[in-house]
Amino acid sequence: MTTPPLKAVLVPVTPLQQNCTLLWCTATNKGAFVDPGGDLDRLKAAAAQHNVTIEKILVTHGHIDHCGEAGTLAKELGVPIEGPHEADRFWISRLEDDGRNYGINGQIFEPDRWLVNGDQVTVGDLTFDVYHCPGHTPGHVVFHHAPSKLAIVGDVLFQGSIGRTDFPMGNHQDLIDAITGRLWPLGGDTAFVPGHGQMSTFAHERRTNPYVADQVTGIAG
C-alpha cells in the first residue's frame, strides 16, 4: 500500500475547540501547524508523537482562537509564520485585547509572509494553493492540497453551516461569493477541515448546507 504524500491530524485547542491541523509531508517528515490558537504543549506533543519536524506555521485568519499563540509558538520553534492576507492586520492587532475577553493567551505578531489569492505555500515536498476567501474576516485564506483533495478552510465553511459575518469587517455576500466562486470549483470530492466541528466534503455541503446548497444559491452542480 502506497503511503499518501500528506498526512494530517486535528488537535482541538482553546476553550472554543478550534481545529488546529498538524500536517506533514510523509517523504520528509517536515510539517506545519495550521491555526495554532493555543494549548501549545498539546500541539508540540502531537508533533513529537508523529515524529514531525515543524518548519512553519500557517494561519487562515486573525481571530484569537486560530492564531492567539501563533507568535509564541513561532518564537519557541524558530519557524516563520505564513498567512493570513494582510487585510486581517486589524484582527491580529487586537489579539491581546481579544485574549483577555475570551480567557485565551493572545500575542500580537507580524507574519513573515502575508498571503494573497494565487500564492502557494510549501511544507516539505508538498505545495498548497492559497485562496483568499473574505467574508468571515476580510483577510481569510484557505489552503488547498490538490493531489490529496484536501482543503483547510478555517471559518469560511462548516459541516452544515458557514462562518459568522456579524463581527467587525465581516461581509455576508463576500463569504457566499468566496464559497461558491473559489471553493466549489475545487471539486465536490474535496474534503475540508473546518475551524470547528467535523470534516465534510464540498459535494455534501452543496447538497445539504442550508446556507450554500445549490438549491439555495441557484448554482447548477
N, C-alpha and C. Protein backbone atom coordinates (compact mmCIF):
# COMPACT_ATOMS: atom_id res chain seq x y z
N MET A 1 0.84 -1.18 0.00
CA MET A 1 0.00 0.00 0.00
C MET A 1 0.89 1.25 0.00
N THR A 2 0.59 2.17 -0.91
CA THR A 2 1.39 3.38 -1.06
C THR A 2 1.09 4.38 0.06
N THR A 3 2.13 4.96 0.61
CA THR A 3 1.94 5.98 1.63
C THR A 3 1.48 7.27 0.97
N PRO A 4 0.41 7.90 1.48
CA PRO A 4 -0.03 9.17 0.89
C PRO A 4 1.02 10.25 1.12
N PRO A 5 1.10 11.23 0.21
CA PRO A 5 2.12 12.28 0.36
C PRO A 5 1.87 13.20 1.55
N LEU A 6 0.60 13.31 1.95
CA LEU A 6 0.22 14.22 3.02
C LEU A 6 -0.51 13.46 4.11
N LYS A 7 -0.13 13.70 5.35
CA LYS A 7 -0.90 13.20 6.48
C LYS A 7 -1.26 14.39 7.37
N ALA A 8 -2.39 14.27 8.06
CA ALA A 8 -2.86 15.36 8.90
C ALA A 8 -3.59 14.82 10.11
N VAL A 9 -3.45 15.54 11.22
CA VAL A 9 -4.13 15.20 12.47
C VAL A 9 -4.77 16.48 13.00
N LEU A 10 -6.00 16.39 13.46
CA LEU A 10 -6.69 17.54 14.03
C LEU A 10 -6.51 17.53 15.54
N VAL A 11 -6.12 18.68 16.08
CA VAL A 11 -5.93 18.84 17.52
C VAL A 11 -6.79 20.02 17.98
N PRO A 12 -7.96 19.76 18.58
CA PRO A 12 -8.80 20.88 19.05
C PRO A 12 -8.09 21.64 20.17
N VAL A 13 -8.07 22.98 20.04
CA VAL A 13 -7.38 23.82 21.02
C VAL A 13 -8.28 24.96 21.48
N THR A 14 -7.95 25.51 22.62
CA THR A 14 -8.62 26.64 23.28
C THR A 14 -10.01 26.22 23.76
N PRO A 15 -10.60 27.01 24.65
CA PRO A 15 -11.96 26.71 25.10
C PRO A 15 -12.98 26.71 23.96
N LEU A 16 -12.62 27.31 22.82
CA LEU A 16 -13.53 27.36 21.68
C LEU A 16 -13.42 26.13 20.78
N GLN A 17 -12.55 25.18 21.17
CA GLN A 17 -12.41 23.91 20.44
C GLN A 17 -12.17 24.14 18.95
N GLN A 18 -11.16 24.93 18.69
CA GLN A 18 -10.77 25.24 17.31
C GLN A 18 -9.88 24.13 16.77
N ASN A 19 -10.15 23.70 15.55
CA ASN A 19 -9.38 22.61 14.94
C ASN A 19 -8.02 23.11 14.45
N CYS A 20 -6.99 22.95 15.26
CA CYS A 20 -5.63 23.16 14.76
C CYS A 20 -5.25 21.91 13.98
N THR A 21 -4.67 22.10 12.79
CA THR A 21 -4.25 20.98 11.97
C THR A 21 -2.74 20.83 12.01
N LEU A 22 -2.28 19.66 12.42
CA LEU A 22 -0.88 19.27 12.25
C LEU A 22 -0.81 18.50 10.95
N LEU A 23 -0.12 19.05 9.97
CA LEU A 23 0.01 18.34 8.69
C LEU A 23 1.48 18.18 8.36
N TRP A 24 1.77 17.11 7.64
CA TRP A 24 3.17 16.89 7.29
C TRP A 24 3.32 16.14 5.98
N CYS A 25 4.51 16.33 5.41
CA CYS A 25 4.93 15.65 4.19
C CYS A 25 5.53 14.31 4.58
N THR A 26 4.96 13.22 4.10
CA THR A 26 5.43 11.90 4.53
C THR A 26 6.80 11.56 3.94
N ALA A 27 7.20 12.25 2.85
CA ALA A 27 8.51 11.98 2.26
C ALA A 27 9.65 12.56 3.10
N THR A 28 9.36 13.66 3.82
CA THR A 28 10.42 14.35 4.55
C THR A 28 10.18 14.41 6.06
N ASN A 29 8.94 14.12 6.48
CA ASN A 29 8.51 14.29 7.88
C ASN A 29 8.62 15.75 8.34
N LYS A 30 8.66 16.67 7.39
CA LYS A 30 8.57 18.09 7.72
C LYS A 30 7.10 18.50 7.72
N GLY A 31 6.74 19.34 8.69
CA GLY A 31 5.34 19.65 8.83
C GLY A 31 5.07 21.09 9.20
N ALA A 32 3.78 21.38 9.38
CA ALA A 32 3.33 22.71 9.77
C ALA A 32 2.12 22.58 10.66
N PHE A 33 1.94 23.57 11.53
CA PHE A 33 0.68 23.73 12.24
C PHE A 33 -0.13 24.78 11.50
N VAL A 34 -1.39 24.48 11.26
CA VAL A 34 -2.31 25.48 10.71
C VAL A 34 -3.23 25.93 11.84
N ASP A 35 -3.17 27.21 12.15
CA ASP A 35 -4.01 27.84 13.18
C ASP A 35 -3.74 27.31 14.59
N PRO A 36 -2.52 27.49 15.09
CA PRO A 36 -2.22 27.10 16.48
C PRO A 36 -2.69 28.17 17.47
N GLY A 37 -3.96 28.13 17.81
CA GLY A 37 -4.55 29.17 18.64
C GLY A 37 -4.15 29.12 20.09
N GLY A 38 -3.75 27.94 20.58
CA GLY A 38 -3.39 27.79 21.98
C GLY A 38 -3.05 26.35 22.30
N ASP A 39 -2.97 26.05 23.61
CA ASP A 39 -2.65 24.68 24.07
C ASP A 39 -1.37 24.17 23.41
N LEU A 40 -0.33 24.97 23.51
CA LEU A 40 0.91 24.68 22.77
C LEU A 40 1.56 23.38 23.22
N ASP A 41 1.47 23.04 24.50
CA ASP A 41 2.06 21.77 24.95
C ASP A 41 1.41 20.59 24.25
N ARG A 42 0.09 20.67 24.08
CA ARG A 42 -0.63 19.59 23.38
C ARG A 42 -0.19 19.51 21.92
N LEU A 43 0.01 20.66 21.30
CA LEU A 43 0.43 20.67 19.89
C LEU A 43 1.84 20.10 19.73
N LYS A 44 2.76 20.54 20.60
CA LYS A 44 4.14 20.05 20.49
C LYS A 44 4.20 18.54 20.77
N ALA A 45 3.35 18.07 21.67
CA ALA A 45 3.31 16.63 21.95
C ALA A 45 2.81 15.85 20.73
N ALA A 46 1.84 16.42 20.02
CA ALA A 46 1.33 15.74 18.82
C ALA A 46 2.41 15.65 17.75
N ALA A 47 3.18 16.73 17.57
CA ALA A 47 4.26 16.69 16.59
C ALA A 47 5.31 15.65 16.96
N ALA A 48 5.64 15.59 18.26
CA ALA A 48 6.63 14.61 18.72
C ALA A 48 6.12 13.19 18.55
N GLN A 49 4.84 12.98 18.82
CA GLN A 49 4.24 11.65 18.70
C GLN A 49 4.37 11.11 17.27
N HIS A 50 4.21 12.00 16.29
CA HIS A 50 4.25 11.60 14.89
C HIS A 50 5.63 11.83 14.25
N ASN A 51 6.60 12.20 15.09
CA ASN A 51 7.97 12.40 14.63
C ASN A 51 8.05 13.43 13.51
N VAL A 52 7.29 14.51 13.67
CA VAL A 52 7.23 15.57 12.66
C VAL A 52 8.10 16.74 13.09
N THR A 53 8.93 17.22 12.17
CA THR A 53 9.73 18.42 12.40
C THR A 53 8.97 19.62 11.84
N ILE A 54 8.53 20.51 12.72
CA ILE A 54 7.75 21.67 12.28
C ILE A 54 8.68 22.68 11.61
N GLU A 55 8.34 23.07 10.38
CA GLU A 55 9.17 24.04 9.66
C GLU A 55 8.47 25.38 9.46
N LYS A 56 7.17 25.45 9.71
CA LYS A 56 6.48 26.74 9.61
C LYS A 56 5.11 26.66 10.24
N ILE A 57 4.51 27.82 10.42
CA ILE A 57 3.14 27.94 10.92
C ILE A 57 2.32 28.64 9.85
N LEU A 58 1.15 28.10 9.56
CA LEU A 58 0.23 28.70 8.60
C LEU A 58 -1.00 29.21 9.35
N VAL A 59 -1.51 30.35 8.93
CA VAL A 59 -2.65 30.97 9.61
C VAL A 59 -3.72 31.31 8.58
N THR A 60 -4.95 30.86 8.85
CA THR A 60 -6.06 31.16 7.92
C THR A 60 -6.63 32.55 8.12
N HIS A 61 -6.72 32.99 9.40
CA HIS A 61 -7.26 34.33 9.65
C HIS A 61 -6.90 34.78 11.06
N GLY A 62 -7.21 36.03 11.38
CA GLY A 62 -6.67 36.66 12.57
C GLY A 62 -7.46 36.53 13.84
N HIS A 63 -8.45 35.65 13.92
CA HIS A 63 -9.22 35.52 15.15
C HIS A 63 -8.43 34.80 16.25
N ILE A 64 -8.71 35.17 17.49
CA ILE A 64 -7.93 34.73 18.64
C ILE A 64 -7.80 33.22 18.76
N ASP A 65 -8.88 32.47 18.50
CA ASP A 65 -8.82 31.01 18.68
C ASP A 65 -8.00 30.33 17.59
N HIS A 66 -7.72 31.05 16.52
CA HIS A 66 -6.94 30.49 15.41
C HIS A 66 -5.46 30.87 15.47
N CYS A 67 -5.15 32.02 16.05
CA CYS A 67 -3.74 32.44 15.98
C CYS A 67 -3.27 33.16 17.23
N GLY A 68 -4.00 33.05 18.33
CA GLY A 68 -3.61 33.76 19.54
C GLY A 68 -2.20 33.47 20.01
N GLU A 69 -1.78 32.21 19.85
CA GLU A 69 -0.44 31.84 20.30
C GLU A 69 0.48 31.45 19.15
N ALA A 70 0.10 31.84 17.93
CA ALA A 70 0.95 31.54 16.77
C ALA A 70 2.32 32.21 16.91
N GLY A 71 2.33 33.47 17.36
CA GLY A 71 3.59 34.17 17.52
C GLY A 71 4.47 33.55 18.59
N THR A 72 3.85 33.14 19.69
CA THR A 72 4.59 32.49 20.77
C THR A 72 5.23 31.20 20.29
N LEU A 73 4.44 30.38 19.58
CA LEU A 73 4.94 29.10 19.10
C LEU A 73 6.04 29.29 18.06
N ALA A 74 5.86 30.29 17.20
CA ALA A 74 6.88 30.53 16.17
C ALA A 74 8.22 30.88 16.80
N LYS A 75 8.18 31.68 17.86
CA LYS A 75 9.43 32.04 18.55
C LYS A 75 10.05 30.82 19.23
N GLU A 76 9.21 30.01 19.90
CA GLU A 76 9.73 28.83 20.58
C GLU A 76 10.40 27.87 19.61
N LEU A 77 9.80 27.68 18.44
CA LEU A 77 10.31 26.71 17.47
C LEU A 77 11.30 27.31 16.49
N GLY A 78 11.37 28.64 16.44
CA GLY A 78 12.27 29.29 15.49
C GLY A 78 11.84 29.10 14.05
N VAL A 79 10.53 29.20 13.80
CA VAL A 79 9.99 28.98 12.46
C VAL A 79 9.19 30.21 12.01
N PRO A 80 9.02 30.38 10.70
CA PRO A 80 8.25 31.52 10.19
C PRO A 80 6.74 31.27 10.24
N ILE A 81 6.00 32.37 10.16
CA ILE A 81 4.54 32.34 10.04
C ILE A 81 4.17 32.83 8.65
N GLU A 82 3.30 32.08 7.96
CA GLU A 82 2.81 32.49 6.65
C GLU A 82 1.30 32.59 6.71
N GLY A 83 0.77 33.74 6.29
CA GLY A 83 -0.66 33.98 6.34
C GLY A 83 -1.03 34.76 7.59
N PRO A 84 -2.23 35.31 7.59
CA PRO A 84 -3.23 35.31 6.52
C PRO A 84 -2.96 36.41 5.49
N HIS A 85 -4.01 36.89 4.83
CA HIS A 85 -3.95 38.06 3.95
C HIS A 85 -3.83 39.30 4.83
N GLU A 86 -3.14 40.32 4.32
CA GLU A 86 -2.85 41.49 5.15
C GLU A 86 -4.11 42.25 5.59
N ALA A 87 -5.23 42.01 4.96
CA ALA A 87 -6.48 42.66 5.39
C ALA A 87 -6.87 42.25 6.81
N ASP A 88 -6.26 41.19 7.35
CA ASP A 88 -6.54 40.78 8.73
C ASP A 88 -5.56 41.38 9.73
N ARG A 89 -4.74 42.33 9.30
CA ARG A 89 -3.86 43.02 10.25
C ARG A 89 -4.69 43.62 11.39
N PHE A 90 -5.89 44.10 11.05
CA PHE A 90 -6.82 44.65 12.05
C PHE A 90 -7.07 43.66 13.19
N TRP A 91 -7.34 42.42 12.83
CA TRP A 91 -7.66 41.42 13.86
C TRP A 91 -6.42 41.01 14.65
N ILE A 92 -5.30 40.88 13.97
CA ILE A 92 -4.07 40.47 14.66
C ILE A 92 -3.65 41.55 15.67
N SER A 93 -3.92 42.81 15.34
CA SER A 93 -3.57 43.90 16.25
C SER A 93 -4.40 43.87 17.53
N ARG A 94 -5.51 43.13 17.52
CA ARG A 94 -6.42 43.07 18.66
C ARG A 94 -6.22 41.82 19.52
N LEU A 95 -5.24 40.99 19.19
CA LEU A 95 -5.15 39.68 19.83
C LEU A 95 -5.01 39.75 21.34
N GLU A 96 -4.25 40.70 21.85
CA GLU A 96 -4.08 40.77 23.31
C GLU A 96 -5.39 41.15 23.98
N ASP A 97 -6.11 42.12 23.42
CA ASP A 97 -7.40 42.53 23.99
C ASP A 97 -8.43 41.41 23.86
N ASP A 98 -8.49 40.78 22.69
CA ASP A 98 -9.46 39.69 22.50
C ASP A 98 -9.12 38.51 23.40
N GLY A 99 -7.83 38.27 23.62
CA GLY A 99 -7.43 37.19 24.51
C GLY A 99 -7.96 37.39 25.92
N ARG A 100 -7.87 38.62 26.40
CA ARG A 100 -8.39 38.90 27.74
C ARG A 100 -9.90 38.67 27.78
N ASN A 101 -10.60 39.04 26.73
CA ASN A 101 -12.05 38.88 26.70
C ASN A 101 -12.47 37.41 26.67
N TYR A 102 -11.67 36.57 26.00
CA TYR A 102 -12.04 35.17 25.83
C TYR A 102 -11.29 34.23 26.79
N GLY A 103 -10.41 34.79 27.61
CA GLY A 103 -9.65 33.93 28.51
C GLY A 103 -8.63 33.06 27.79
N ILE A 104 -8.10 33.58 26.69
CA ILE A 104 -7.12 32.86 25.88
C ILE A 104 -5.87 33.74 25.79
N ASN A 105 -4.70 33.14 25.84
CA ASN A 105 -3.48 33.91 25.66
C ASN A 105 -3.43 34.45 24.24
N GLY A 106 -3.18 35.74 24.12
CA GLY A 106 -3.09 36.34 22.80
C GLY A 106 -1.84 37.19 22.68
N GLN A 107 -1.09 36.99 21.61
CA GLN A 107 0.12 37.77 21.38
C GLN A 107 0.12 38.30 19.95
N ILE A 108 0.24 39.62 19.84
CA ILE A 108 0.30 40.24 18.52
C ILE A 108 1.57 39.78 17.80
N PHE A 109 1.47 39.52 16.52
CA PHE A 109 2.63 39.07 15.74
C PHE A 109 2.58 39.69 14.35
N GLU A 110 3.70 39.66 13.69
CA GLU A 110 3.80 40.08 12.29
C GLU A 110 4.19 38.85 11.48
N PRO A 111 3.31 38.37 10.60
CA PRO A 111 3.69 37.21 9.79
C PRO A 111 4.96 37.48 8.99
N ASP A 112 5.73 36.44 8.76
CA ASP A 112 6.90 36.57 7.90
C ASP A 112 6.48 36.76 6.45
N ARG A 113 5.26 36.32 6.14
CA ARG A 113 4.76 36.44 4.77
C ARG A 113 3.24 36.58 4.80
N TRP A 114 2.75 37.73 4.37
CA TRP A 114 1.32 37.87 4.13
C TRP A 114 0.99 37.15 2.82
N LEU A 115 -0.19 36.59 2.70
CA LEU A 115 -0.55 35.81 1.52
C LEU A 115 -1.65 36.51 0.73
N VAL A 116 -1.65 36.29 -0.57
CA VAL A 116 -2.70 36.80 -1.44
C VAL A 116 -3.24 35.65 -2.29
N ASN A 117 -4.40 35.88 -2.87
CA ASN A 117 -5.01 34.85 -3.72
C ASN A 117 -4.06 34.47 -4.84
N GLY A 118 -3.88 33.16 -5.04
CA GLY A 118 -2.99 32.67 -6.09
C GLY A 118 -1.59 32.34 -5.61
N ASP A 119 -1.27 32.71 -4.36
CA ASP A 119 0.02 32.31 -3.79
C ASP A 119 0.09 30.80 -3.58
N GLN A 120 1.29 30.31 -3.33
CA GLN A 120 1.49 28.93 -2.92
C GLN A 120 2.37 28.89 -1.69
N VAL A 121 2.13 27.92 -0.83
CA VAL A 121 3.00 27.68 0.32
C VAL A 121 3.47 26.24 0.26
N THR A 122 4.66 26.00 0.77
CA THR A 122 5.21 24.65 0.75
C THR A 122 5.40 24.13 2.17
N VAL A 123 5.23 22.83 2.31
CA VAL A 123 5.53 22.12 3.56
C VAL A 123 6.27 20.85 3.15
N GLY A 124 7.55 20.77 3.47
CA GLY A 124 8.33 19.66 2.94
C GLY A 124 8.28 19.69 1.42
N ASP A 125 7.91 18.56 0.83
CA ASP A 125 7.78 18.49 -0.63
C ASP A 125 6.37 18.81 -1.12
N LEU A 126 5.48 19.18 -0.21
CA LEU A 126 4.09 19.46 -0.57
C LEU A 126 3.94 20.92 -0.98
N THR A 127 3.00 21.17 -1.89
CA THR A 127 2.67 22.53 -2.30
C THR A 127 1.17 22.74 -2.13
N PHE A 128 0.82 23.80 -1.42
CA PHE A 128 -0.59 24.16 -1.20
C PHE A 128 -0.90 25.44 -1.97
N ASP A 129 -2.07 25.47 -2.60
CA ASP A 129 -2.55 26.68 -3.26
C ASP A 129 -3.32 27.51 -2.24
N VAL A 130 -3.17 28.83 -2.34
CA VAL A 130 -3.80 29.76 -1.41
C VAL A 130 -4.96 30.46 -2.10
N TYR A 131 -6.11 30.44 -1.43
CA TYR A 131 -7.30 31.14 -1.93
C TYR A 131 -7.74 32.16 -0.90
N HIS A 132 -7.83 33.42 -1.32
CA HIS A 132 -8.34 34.47 -0.45
C HIS A 132 -9.86 34.37 -0.43
N CYS A 133 -10.42 34.13 0.75
CA CYS A 133 -11.86 33.91 0.90
C CYS A 133 -12.42 34.83 1.99
N PRO A 134 -12.59 36.12 1.68
CA PRO A 134 -13.06 37.06 2.69
C PRO A 134 -14.54 36.86 3.01
N GLY A 135 -14.96 37.52 4.08
CA GLY A 135 -16.37 37.46 4.49
C GLY A 135 -16.49 37.25 5.98
N HIS A 136 -15.92 36.16 6.48
CA HIS A 136 -15.86 35.95 7.94
C HIS A 136 -14.91 36.97 8.54
N THR A 137 -13.74 37.10 7.93
CA THR A 137 -12.83 38.23 8.15
C THR A 137 -12.37 38.69 6.77
N PRO A 138 -11.88 39.92 6.67
CA PRO A 138 -11.50 40.41 5.34
C PRO A 138 -10.25 39.76 4.76
N GLY A 139 -9.40 39.20 5.64
CA GLY A 139 -8.15 38.62 5.16
C GLY A 139 -8.07 37.11 5.24
N HIS A 140 -9.20 36.44 5.33
CA HIS A 140 -9.22 34.98 5.50
C HIS A 140 -8.67 34.29 4.25
N VAL A 141 -7.81 33.29 4.46
CA VAL A 141 -7.32 32.47 3.34
C VAL A 141 -7.60 31.00 3.61
N VAL A 142 -7.63 30.23 2.52
CA VAL A 142 -7.84 28.79 2.54
C VAL A 142 -6.63 28.13 1.90
N PHE A 143 -6.22 26.99 2.45
CA PHE A 143 -5.10 26.22 1.92
C PHE A 143 -5.62 24.94 1.27
N HIS A 144 -5.20 24.68 0.03
CA HIS A 144 -5.72 23.53 -0.72
C HIS A 144 -4.56 22.71 -1.27
N HIS A 145 -4.56 21.40 -0.92
CA HIS A 145 -3.58 20.48 -1.49
C HIS A 145 -4.30 19.63 -2.54
N ALA A 146 -4.17 20.04 -3.78
CA ALA A 146 -4.94 19.42 -4.86
C ALA A 146 -4.70 17.91 -4.98
N PRO A 147 -3.44 17.42 -4.90
CA PRO A 147 -3.24 15.97 -5.07
C PRO A 147 -3.96 15.14 -4.00
N SER A 148 -4.13 15.70 -2.81
CA SER A 148 -4.81 14.98 -1.73
C SER A 148 -6.30 15.28 -1.67
N LYS A 149 -6.75 16.21 -2.52
CA LYS A 149 -8.14 16.65 -2.50
C LYS A 149 -8.55 17.06 -1.08
N LEU A 150 -7.70 17.90 -0.46
CA LEU A 150 -7.93 18.35 0.91
C LEU A 150 -7.79 19.87 0.97
N ALA A 151 -8.75 20.50 1.63
CA ALA A 151 -8.71 21.94 1.86
C ALA A 151 -8.83 22.22 3.35
N ILE A 152 -8.08 23.19 3.82
CA ILE A 152 -8.19 23.65 5.20
C ILE A 152 -8.81 25.03 5.13
N VAL A 153 -10.07 25.13 5.57
CA VAL A 153 -10.88 26.30 5.24
C VAL A 153 -11.14 27.23 6.42
N GLY A 154 -10.55 26.96 7.59
CA GLY A 154 -10.79 27.86 8.71
C GLY A 154 -12.27 28.02 8.99
N ASP A 155 -12.71 29.27 9.16
CA ASP A 155 -14.11 29.53 9.50
C ASP A 155 -14.92 30.02 8.32
N VAL A 156 -14.51 29.67 7.08
CA VAL A 156 -15.31 30.02 5.91
C VAL A 156 -16.54 29.13 5.83
N LEU A 157 -16.34 27.83 6.00
CA LEU A 157 -17.39 26.84 5.78
C LEU A 157 -17.30 25.76 6.84
N PHE A 158 -18.46 25.30 7.30
CA PHE A 158 -18.54 24.21 8.27
C PHE A 158 -19.48 23.13 7.74
N GLN A 159 -19.44 21.99 8.39
CA GLN A 159 -20.45 20.98 8.10
C GLN A 159 -21.81 21.54 8.51
N GLY A 160 -22.65 21.82 7.53
CA GLY A 160 -23.99 22.31 7.80
C GLY A 160 -24.11 23.78 8.12
N SER A 161 -23.04 24.55 7.98
CA SER A 161 -23.12 25.97 8.31
C SER A 161 -22.02 26.74 7.57
N ILE A 162 -21.97 28.05 7.83
CA ILE A 162 -20.94 28.91 7.26
C ILE A 162 -20.42 29.81 8.37
N GLY A 163 -19.33 30.54 8.09
CA GLY A 163 -18.76 31.41 9.09
C GLY A 163 -19.66 32.58 9.43
N ARG A 164 -19.54 33.06 10.66
CA ARG A 164 -20.28 34.24 11.08
C ARG A 164 -19.77 35.46 10.32
N THR A 165 -20.69 36.38 10.03
CA THR A 165 -20.28 37.62 9.36
C THR A 165 -20.72 38.85 10.14
N ASP A 166 -21.08 38.66 11.43
CA ASP A 166 -21.54 39.78 12.24
C ASP A 166 -20.41 40.40 13.06
N PHE A 167 -19.18 39.92 12.88
CA PHE A 167 -18.04 40.54 13.53
C PHE A 167 -17.64 41.80 12.76
N PRO A 168 -16.83 42.69 13.36
CA PRO A 168 -16.34 43.85 12.61
C PRO A 168 -15.66 43.42 11.31
N MET A 169 -15.99 44.12 10.23
CA MET A 169 -15.41 43.91 8.90
C MET A 169 -15.87 42.60 8.26
N GLY A 170 -16.89 41.95 8.83
CA GLY A 170 -17.47 40.78 8.18
C GLY A 170 -18.39 41.21 7.04
N ASN A 171 -18.61 40.33 6.08
CA ASN A 171 -19.48 40.65 4.95
C ASN A 171 -20.10 39.37 4.43
N HIS A 172 -21.41 39.26 4.60
CA HIS A 172 -22.10 38.01 4.25
C HIS A 172 -21.99 37.70 2.76
N GLN A 173 -22.21 38.69 1.91
CA GLN A 173 -22.18 38.42 0.48
C GLN A 173 -20.78 38.03 0.02
N ASP A 174 -19.76 38.68 0.60
CA ASP A 174 -18.38 38.28 0.26
C ASP A 174 -18.14 36.82 0.60
N LEU A 175 -18.68 36.38 1.74
CA LEU A 175 -18.48 34.99 2.17
C LEU A 175 -19.15 34.02 1.21
N ILE A 176 -20.39 34.30 0.85
CA ILE A 176 -21.11 33.43 -0.09
C ILE A 176 -20.37 33.38 -1.42
N ASP A 177 -19.91 34.56 -1.89
CA ASP A 177 -19.19 34.60 -3.17
C ASP A 177 -17.88 33.80 -3.11
N ALA A 178 -17.20 33.86 -1.95
CA ALA A 178 -15.94 33.12 -1.82
C ALA A 178 -16.19 31.62 -1.84
N ILE A 179 -17.24 31.18 -1.14
CA ILE A 179 -17.54 29.74 -1.09
C ILE A 179 -17.91 29.23 -2.47
N THR A 180 -18.82 29.93 -3.13
CA THR A 180 -19.31 29.44 -4.42
C THR A 180 -18.31 29.68 -5.55
N GLY A 181 -17.55 30.76 -5.46
CA GLY A 181 -16.66 31.12 -6.55
C GLY A 181 -15.25 30.57 -6.43
N ARG A 182 -14.82 30.29 -5.18
CA ARG A 182 -13.44 29.83 -5.01
C ARG A 182 -13.33 28.43 -4.43
N LEU A 183 -14.30 28.00 -3.64
CA LEU A 183 -14.22 26.65 -3.07
C LEU A 183 -14.90 25.62 -3.95
N TRP A 184 -16.11 25.89 -4.39
CA TRP A 184 -16.82 24.87 -5.20
C TRP A 184 -16.03 24.45 -6.43
N PRO A 185 -15.33 25.35 -7.14
CA PRO A 185 -14.58 24.90 -8.32
C PRO A 185 -13.44 23.93 -8.01
N LEU A 186 -13.07 23.79 -6.74
CA LEU A 186 -12.01 22.84 -6.39
C LEU A 186 -12.47 21.40 -6.50
N GLY A 187 -13.79 21.19 -6.60
CA GLY A 187 -14.31 19.84 -6.82
C GLY A 187 -15.09 19.29 -5.65
N GLY A 188 -16.21 18.64 -5.96
CA GLY A 188 -17.08 18.12 -4.92
C GLY A 188 -16.44 17.03 -4.07
N ASP A 189 -15.45 16.33 -4.64
CA ASP A 189 -14.81 15.25 -3.88
C ASP A 189 -13.71 15.77 -2.96
N THR A 190 -13.57 17.10 -2.86
CA THR A 190 -12.60 17.69 -1.95
C THR A 190 -13.11 17.62 -0.52
N ALA A 191 -12.34 17.01 0.36
CA ALA A 191 -12.67 17.01 1.79
C ALA A 191 -12.10 18.28 2.40
N PHE A 192 -12.78 18.79 3.45
CA PHE A 192 -12.26 20.01 4.06
C PHE A 192 -12.26 19.92 5.58
N VAL A 193 -11.24 20.57 6.14
CA VAL A 193 -11.10 20.71 7.58
C VAL A 193 -11.65 22.08 7.96
N PRO A 194 -12.76 22.14 8.71
CA PRO A 194 -13.27 23.43 9.14
C PRO A 194 -12.59 23.87 10.43
N GLY A 195 -12.80 25.13 10.78
CA GLY A 195 -12.20 25.64 12.00
C GLY A 195 -12.78 25.05 13.27
N HIS A 196 -13.99 24.51 13.17
CA HIS A 196 -14.65 23.90 14.32
C HIS A 196 -15.52 22.76 13.81
N GLY A 197 -15.65 21.71 14.59
CA GLY A 197 -16.56 20.63 14.23
C GLY A 197 -15.94 19.60 13.30
N GLN A 198 -16.82 18.84 12.67
CA GLN A 198 -16.41 17.68 11.88
C GLN A 198 -16.06 18.06 10.45
N MET A 199 -15.19 17.25 9.85
CA MET A 199 -14.87 17.40 8.43
C MET A 199 -16.07 17.05 7.58
N SER A 200 -16.05 17.52 6.34
CA SER A 200 -17.10 17.21 5.38
C SER A 200 -16.48 17.29 3.98
N THR A 201 -17.32 17.24 2.96
CA THR A 201 -16.86 17.43 1.58
C THR A 201 -17.67 18.55 0.94
N PHE A 202 -17.09 19.16 -0.08
CA PHE A 202 -17.82 20.23 -0.77
C PHE A 202 -19.10 19.69 -1.40
N ALA A 203 -19.06 18.48 -1.93
CA ALA A 203 -20.27 17.92 -2.54
C ALA A 203 -21.39 17.78 -1.51
N HIS A 204 -21.04 17.30 -0.32
CA HIS A 204 -22.05 17.14 0.72
C HIS A 204 -22.68 18.48 1.08
N GLU A 205 -21.84 19.51 1.20
CA GLU A 205 -22.38 20.83 1.57
C GLU A 205 -23.20 21.42 0.43
N ARG A 206 -22.82 21.15 -0.80
CA ARG A 206 -23.62 21.66 -1.93
C ARG A 206 -24.99 21.00 -1.99
N ARG A 207 -25.09 19.81 -1.43
CA ARG A 207 -26.39 19.13 -1.39
C ARG A 207 -27.22 19.53 -0.18
N THR A 208 -26.58 19.74 0.97
CA THR A 208 -27.33 19.78 2.23
C THR A 208 -27.18 21.05 3.06
N ASN A 209 -26.19 21.90 2.78
CA ASN A 209 -25.93 23.05 3.66
C ASN A 209 -27.04 24.09 3.49
N PRO A 210 -27.73 24.47 4.57
CA PRO A 210 -28.88 25.37 4.43
C PRO A 210 -28.51 26.78 3.97
N TYR A 211 -27.22 27.12 3.98
CA TYR A 211 -26.80 28.45 3.59
C TYR A 211 -26.24 28.52 2.18
N VAL A 212 -25.59 27.45 1.74
CA VAL A 212 -24.91 27.50 0.44
C VAL A 212 -25.16 26.27 -0.44
N ALA A 213 -26.20 25.49 -0.13
CA ALA A 213 -26.55 24.39 -1.04
C ALA A 213 -26.94 24.97 -2.39
N ASP A 214 -26.76 24.17 -3.44
CA ASP A 214 -27.04 24.67 -4.79
C ASP A 214 -28.47 25.16 -4.93
N GLN A 215 -29.43 24.50 -4.23
CA GLN A 215 -30.82 24.95 -4.38
C GLN A 215 -31.06 26.29 -3.69
N VAL A 216 -30.16 26.65 -2.77
CA VAL A 216 -30.26 27.96 -2.10
C VAL A 216 -29.60 29.06 -2.93
N THR A 217 -28.42 28.77 -3.45
CA THR A 217 -27.67 29.78 -4.20
C THR A 217 -28.09 29.88 -5.65
N GLY A 218 -28.76 28.83 -6.15
CA GLY A 218 -29.17 28.82 -7.55
C GLY A 218 -28.08 28.41 -8.52
N ILE A 219 -26.97 27.90 -7.96
CA ILE A 219 -25.86 27.45 -8.81
C ILE A 219 -26.12 26.01 -9.25
N ALA A 220 -25.92 25.75 -10.52
CA ALA A 220 -26.08 24.39 -11.02
C ALA A 220 -24.87 23.55 -10.65
N GLY A 221 -25.11 22.32 -10.16
CA GLY A 221 -24.00 21.47 -9.74
C GLY A 221 -23.26 20.88 -10.91
